[in-house]
Amino acid sequence: MFETTICYNSLWKNLIDKKMSQIDLQRSAGISASTMTKLRRDETVSLDVLVRICAYLECNIGDICNVVKKEKAGPAVPGVLKPKRRGRGK
């Protein structure tokens, strides 16, 4: 089974190509610090934010983000135990 997630690597490459910093983008596009953190963590942000970034960079949404598929971890197998962690000094 797969799950989809978003990746902003192309945004960071776009900034590097234009010799811009993340702070420049944040200030110029009116993006909050918490939203910048979400972008750095490849978390979802509002479409409005993506549109403001595109307007500032003069590009399309596909130029700043990609949807990627990741294989979803399957359920744990019943009856299989995880190894116990050894505590310090024991």
N, C-alpha and C. Protein backbone atom coordinates (compact mmCIF):
# COMPACT_ATOMS: atom_id res chain seq x y z
N MET A 1 0.83 -1.17 0.00
CA MET A 1 0.00 0.00 0.00
C MET A 1 0.89 1.25 0.00
N PHE A 2 0.42 2.30 -0.64
CA PHE A 2 1.20 3.53 -0.75
C PHE A 2 0.45 4.69 -0.11
N GLU A 3 1.21 5.65 0.36
CA GLU A 3 0.63 6.91 0.81
C GLU A 3 1.33 8.02 0.03
N THR A 4 0.64 9.11 -0.16
CA THR A 4 1.24 10.22 -0.89
C THR A 4 1.61 11.33 0.08
N THR A 5 2.65 12.02 -0.25
CA THR A 5 3.12 13.14 0.55
C THR A 5 3.65 14.21 -0.39
N ILE A 6 3.92 15.36 0.15
CA ILE A 6 4.40 16.47 -0.67
C ILE A 6 5.87 16.71 -0.40
N CYS A 7 6.58 17.15 -1.41
CA CYS A 7 8.01 17.41 -1.30
C CYS A 7 8.30 18.77 -1.91
N TYR A 8 9.03 19.61 -1.17
CA TYR A 8 9.34 20.96 -1.64
C TYR A 8 10.80 21.12 -2.07
N ASN A 9 11.48 20.03 -2.40
CA ASN A 9 12.88 20.13 -2.81
C ASN A 9 13.07 21.06 -4.01
N SER A 10 12.11 21.05 -4.92
CA SER A 10 12.24 21.92 -6.10
C SER A 10 12.10 23.40 -5.72
N LEU A 11 11.40 23.71 -4.64
CA LEU A 11 11.34 25.09 -4.16
C LEU A 11 12.71 25.54 -3.71
N TRP A 12 13.38 24.71 -2.92
CA TRP A 12 14.72 25.08 -2.41
C TRP A 12 15.72 25.21 -3.55
N LYS A 13 15.63 24.31 -4.55
CA LYS A 13 16.52 24.42 -5.71
C LYS A 13 16.24 25.70 -6.49
N ASN A 14 14.96 26.05 -6.60
CA ASN A 14 14.55 27.27 -7.30
C ASN A 14 15.14 28.50 -6.59
N LEU A 15 15.09 28.51 -5.26
CA LEU A 15 15.66 29.63 -4.50
C LEU A 15 17.17 29.73 -4.72
N ILE A 16 17.85 28.60 -4.71
CA ILE A 16 19.30 28.59 -4.93
C ILE A 16 19.63 29.13 -6.32
N ASP A 17 18.88 28.66 -7.32
CA ASP A 17 19.12 29.13 -8.69
C ASP A 17 18.93 30.64 -8.82
N LYS A 18 18.01 31.19 -8.04
CA LYS A 18 17.74 32.64 -8.10
C LYS A 18 18.55 33.42 -7.07
N LYS A 19 19.47 32.69 -6.38
CA LYS A 19 20.34 33.30 -5.37
C LYS A 19 19.54 34.05 -4.31
N MET A 20 18.51 33.37 -3.81
CA MET A 20 17.64 33.94 -2.78
C MET A 20 17.69 33.08 -1.53
N SER A 21 17.49 33.70 -0.40
CA SER A 21 17.45 32.96 0.86
C SER A 21 16.01 32.65 1.24
N GLN A 22 15.85 31.73 2.17
CA GLN A 22 14.52 31.40 2.67
C GLN A 22 13.91 32.61 3.38
N ILE A 23 14.74 33.39 4.05
CA ILE A 23 14.26 34.60 4.73
C ILE A 23 13.73 35.61 3.71
N ASP A 24 14.44 35.76 2.58
CA ASP A 24 13.96 36.64 1.51
C ASP A 24 12.57 36.23 1.06
N LEU A 25 12.40 34.93 0.85
CA LEU A 25 11.11 34.40 0.41
C LEU A 25 10.05 34.67 1.47
N GLN A 26 10.38 34.37 2.72
CA GLN A 26 9.42 34.54 3.81
C GLN A 26 8.92 35.98 3.88
N ARG A 27 9.84 36.91 3.86
CA ARG A 27 9.47 38.32 3.98
C ARG A 27 8.74 38.84 2.74
N SER A 28 9.24 38.51 1.58
CA SER A 28 8.67 39.05 0.34
C SER A 28 7.30 38.46 0.00
N ALA A 29 7.10 37.20 0.32
CA ALA A 29 5.82 36.55 -0.01
C ALA A 29 4.84 36.59 1.16
N GLY A 30 5.26 37.18 2.29
CA GLY A 30 4.37 37.30 3.44
C GLY A 30 4.02 35.96 4.06
N ILE A 31 5.04 35.13 4.26
CA ILE A 31 4.84 33.79 4.82
C ILE A 31 5.27 33.79 6.28
N SER A 32 4.47 33.20 7.15
CA SER A 32 4.80 33.16 8.57
C SER A 32 5.94 32.18 8.84
N ALA A 33 6.57 32.35 9.99
CA ALA A 33 7.67 31.46 10.38
C ALA A 33 7.18 30.02 10.52
N SER A 34 5.97 29.85 11.06
CA SER A 34 5.45 28.48 11.23
C SER A 34 5.19 27.81 9.88
N THR A 35 4.75 28.59 8.90
CA THR A 35 4.53 28.02 7.56
C THR A 35 5.86 27.66 6.91
N MET A 36 6.88 28.48 7.12
CA MET A 36 8.21 28.15 6.59
C MET A 36 8.71 26.84 7.20
N THR A 37 8.44 26.66 8.49
CA THR A 37 8.83 25.40 9.14
C THR A 37 8.11 24.22 8.50
N LYS A 38 6.82 24.37 8.21
CA LYS A 38 6.08 23.30 7.54
C LYS A 38 6.68 22.99 6.17
N LEU A 39 7.07 24.03 5.44
CA LEU A 39 7.70 23.81 4.14
C LEU A 39 9.00 23.04 4.29
N ARG A 40 9.81 23.42 5.28
CA ARG A 40 11.09 22.73 5.49
C ARG A 40 10.89 21.26 5.87
N ARG A 41 9.79 20.96 6.54
CA ARG A 41 9.49 19.59 6.98
C ARG A 41 8.67 18.80 5.96
N ASP A 42 8.47 19.39 4.78
CA ASP A 42 7.65 18.75 3.74
C ASP A 42 6.25 18.41 4.25
N GLU A 43 5.66 19.35 4.97
CA GLU A 43 4.30 19.21 5.45
C GLU A 43 3.38 20.03 4.54
N THR A 44 2.10 19.74 4.59
CA THR A 44 1.16 20.46 3.74
C THR A 44 0.98 21.90 4.22
N VAL A 45 0.81 22.79 3.26
CA VAL A 45 0.50 24.19 3.52
C VAL A 45 -0.69 24.56 2.62
N SER A 46 -1.29 25.71 2.87
CA SER A 46 -2.47 26.09 2.10
C SER A 46 -2.09 26.41 0.65
N LEU A 47 -3.08 26.25 -0.20
CA LEU A 47 -2.89 26.58 -1.61
C LEU A 47 -2.57 28.07 -1.76
N ASP A 48 -3.15 28.90 -0.90
CA ASP A 48 -2.89 30.33 -0.93
C ASP A 48 -1.39 30.62 -0.76
N VAL A 49 -0.75 29.91 0.15
CA VAL A 49 0.70 30.09 0.36
C VAL A 49 1.47 29.71 -0.89
N LEU A 50 1.11 28.58 -1.49
CA LEU A 50 1.81 28.13 -2.69
C LEU A 50 1.62 29.13 -3.84
N VAL A 51 0.44 29.70 -3.95
CA VAL A 51 0.16 30.69 -5.00
C VAL A 51 1.00 31.95 -4.75
N ARG A 52 1.12 32.39 -3.49
CA ARG A 52 1.93 33.58 -3.19
C ARG A 52 3.40 33.33 -3.52
N ILE A 53 3.88 32.12 -3.21
CA ILE A 53 5.27 31.78 -3.54
C ILE A 53 5.47 31.81 -5.06
N CYS A 54 4.53 31.21 -5.78
CA CYS A 54 4.63 31.19 -7.23
C CYS A 54 4.59 32.59 -7.82
N ALA A 55 3.74 33.44 -7.28
CA ALA A 55 3.66 34.81 -7.78
C ALA A 55 4.98 35.53 -7.54
N TYR A 56 5.56 35.33 -6.38
CA TYR A 56 6.83 35.99 -6.06
C TYR A 56 7.97 35.47 -6.93
N LEU A 57 8.02 34.15 -7.12
CA LEU A 57 9.10 33.54 -7.91
C LEU A 57 8.81 33.54 -9.41
N GLU A 58 7.60 33.95 -9.79
CA GLU A 58 7.17 33.95 -11.19
C GLU A 58 7.31 32.56 -11.80
N CYS A 59 6.64 31.61 -11.16
CA CYS A 59 6.71 30.22 -11.63
C CYS A 59 5.35 29.55 -11.42
N ASN A 60 5.25 28.28 -11.75
CA ASN A 60 4.04 27.49 -11.55
C ASN A 60 4.19 26.59 -10.33
N ILE A 61 3.08 26.10 -9.83
CA ILE A 61 3.12 25.26 -8.63
C ILE A 61 4.01 24.03 -8.84
N GLY A 62 3.98 23.45 -10.02
CA GLY A 62 4.82 22.29 -10.31
C GLY A 62 6.31 22.60 -10.25
N ASP A 63 6.65 23.88 -10.27
CA ASP A 63 8.06 24.28 -10.17
C ASP A 63 8.55 24.35 -8.73
N ILE A 64 7.63 24.26 -7.76
CA ILE A 64 8.05 24.39 -6.35
C ILE A 64 7.70 23.19 -5.49
N CYS A 65 6.85 22.29 -5.99
CA CYS A 65 6.52 21.12 -5.17
C CYS A 65 6.16 19.93 -6.05
N ASN A 66 6.26 18.76 -5.45
CA ASN A 66 5.93 17.51 -6.12
C ASN A 66 5.17 16.62 -5.14
N VAL A 67 4.26 15.83 -5.68
CA VAL A 67 3.58 14.82 -4.88
C VAL A 67 4.34 13.52 -5.10
N VAL A 68 4.74 12.90 -4.00
CA VAL A 68 5.52 11.66 -4.11
C VAL A 68 4.79 10.53 -3.38
N LYS A 69 4.97 9.34 -3.91
CA LYS A 69 4.41 8.14 -3.28
C LYS A 69 5.46 7.50 -2.41
N LYS A 70 5.05 7.10 -1.23
CA LYS A 70 5.93 6.35 -0.33
C LYS A 70 5.21 5.08 0.06
N GLU A 71 5.97 4.00 0.18
CA GLU A 71 5.35 2.76 0.59
C GLU A 71 4.99 2.86 2.06
N LYS A 72 3.76 2.51 2.34
CA LYS A 72 3.25 2.60 3.70
C LYS A 72 3.67 1.34 4.45
N ALA A 73 4.11 1.54 5.68
CA ALA A 73 4.51 0.39 6.49
C ALA A 73 3.27 -0.44 6.79
N GLY A 74 3.40 -1.74 6.62
CA GLY A 74 2.29 -2.64 6.87
C GLY A 74 2.04 -2.82 8.36
N PRO A 75 0.92 -3.42 8.71
CA PRO A 75 0.61 -3.65 10.12
C PRO A 75 1.60 -4.64 10.72
N ALA A 76 1.77 -4.54 12.01
CA ALA A 76 2.67 -5.46 12.71
C ALA A 76 2.13 -6.88 12.59
N VAL A 77 3.02 -7.83 12.51
CA VAL A 77 2.64 -9.24 12.39
C VAL A 77 2.26 -9.74 13.79
N PRO A 78 1.03 -10.28 13.94
CA PRO A 78 0.62 -10.77 15.25
C PRO A 78 1.55 -11.88 15.74
N GLY A 79 1.84 -11.86 17.03
CA GLY A 79 2.67 -12.89 17.62
C GLY A 79 4.16 -12.62 17.53
N VAL A 80 4.57 -11.57 16.83
CA VAL A 80 5.98 -11.24 16.73
C VAL A 80 6.25 -10.09 17.69
N LEU A 81 7.17 -10.33 18.60
CA LEU A 81 7.47 -9.33 19.61
C LEU A 81 8.69 -8.52 19.22
N LYS A 82 8.68 -7.28 19.64
CA LYS A 82 9.85 -6.44 19.43
C LYS A 82 10.89 -6.82 20.47
N PRO A 83 12.19 -6.74 20.11
CA PRO A 83 13.21 -7.05 21.10
C PRO A 83 13.16 -6.03 22.24
N LYS A 84 13.42 -6.51 23.46
CA LYS A 84 13.40 -5.64 24.62
C LYS A 84 14.66 -4.80 24.63
N ARG A 85 14.49 -3.56 25.06
CA ARG A 85 15.65 -2.67 25.20
C ARG A 85 16.29 -2.93 26.55
N ARG A 86 17.57 -2.95 26.54
CA ARG A 86 18.28 -3.14 27.80
C ARG A 86 18.50 -1.79 28.46
N GLY A 87 18.19 -1.73 29.71
CA GLY A 87 18.38 -0.50 30.47
C GLY A 87 19.84 -0.33 30.85
N ARG A 88 20.19 0.85 31.25
CA ARG A 88 21.57 1.11 31.69
C ARG A 88 21.85 0.40 33.01
N GLY A 89 23.02 -0.15 33.07
CA GLY A 89 23.49 -0.76 34.32
C GLY A 89 22.83 -2.07 34.65
N LYS A 90 22.16 -2.67 33.74
CA LYS A 90 21.51 -3.97 34.03
C LYS A 90 22.16 -5.05 33.25
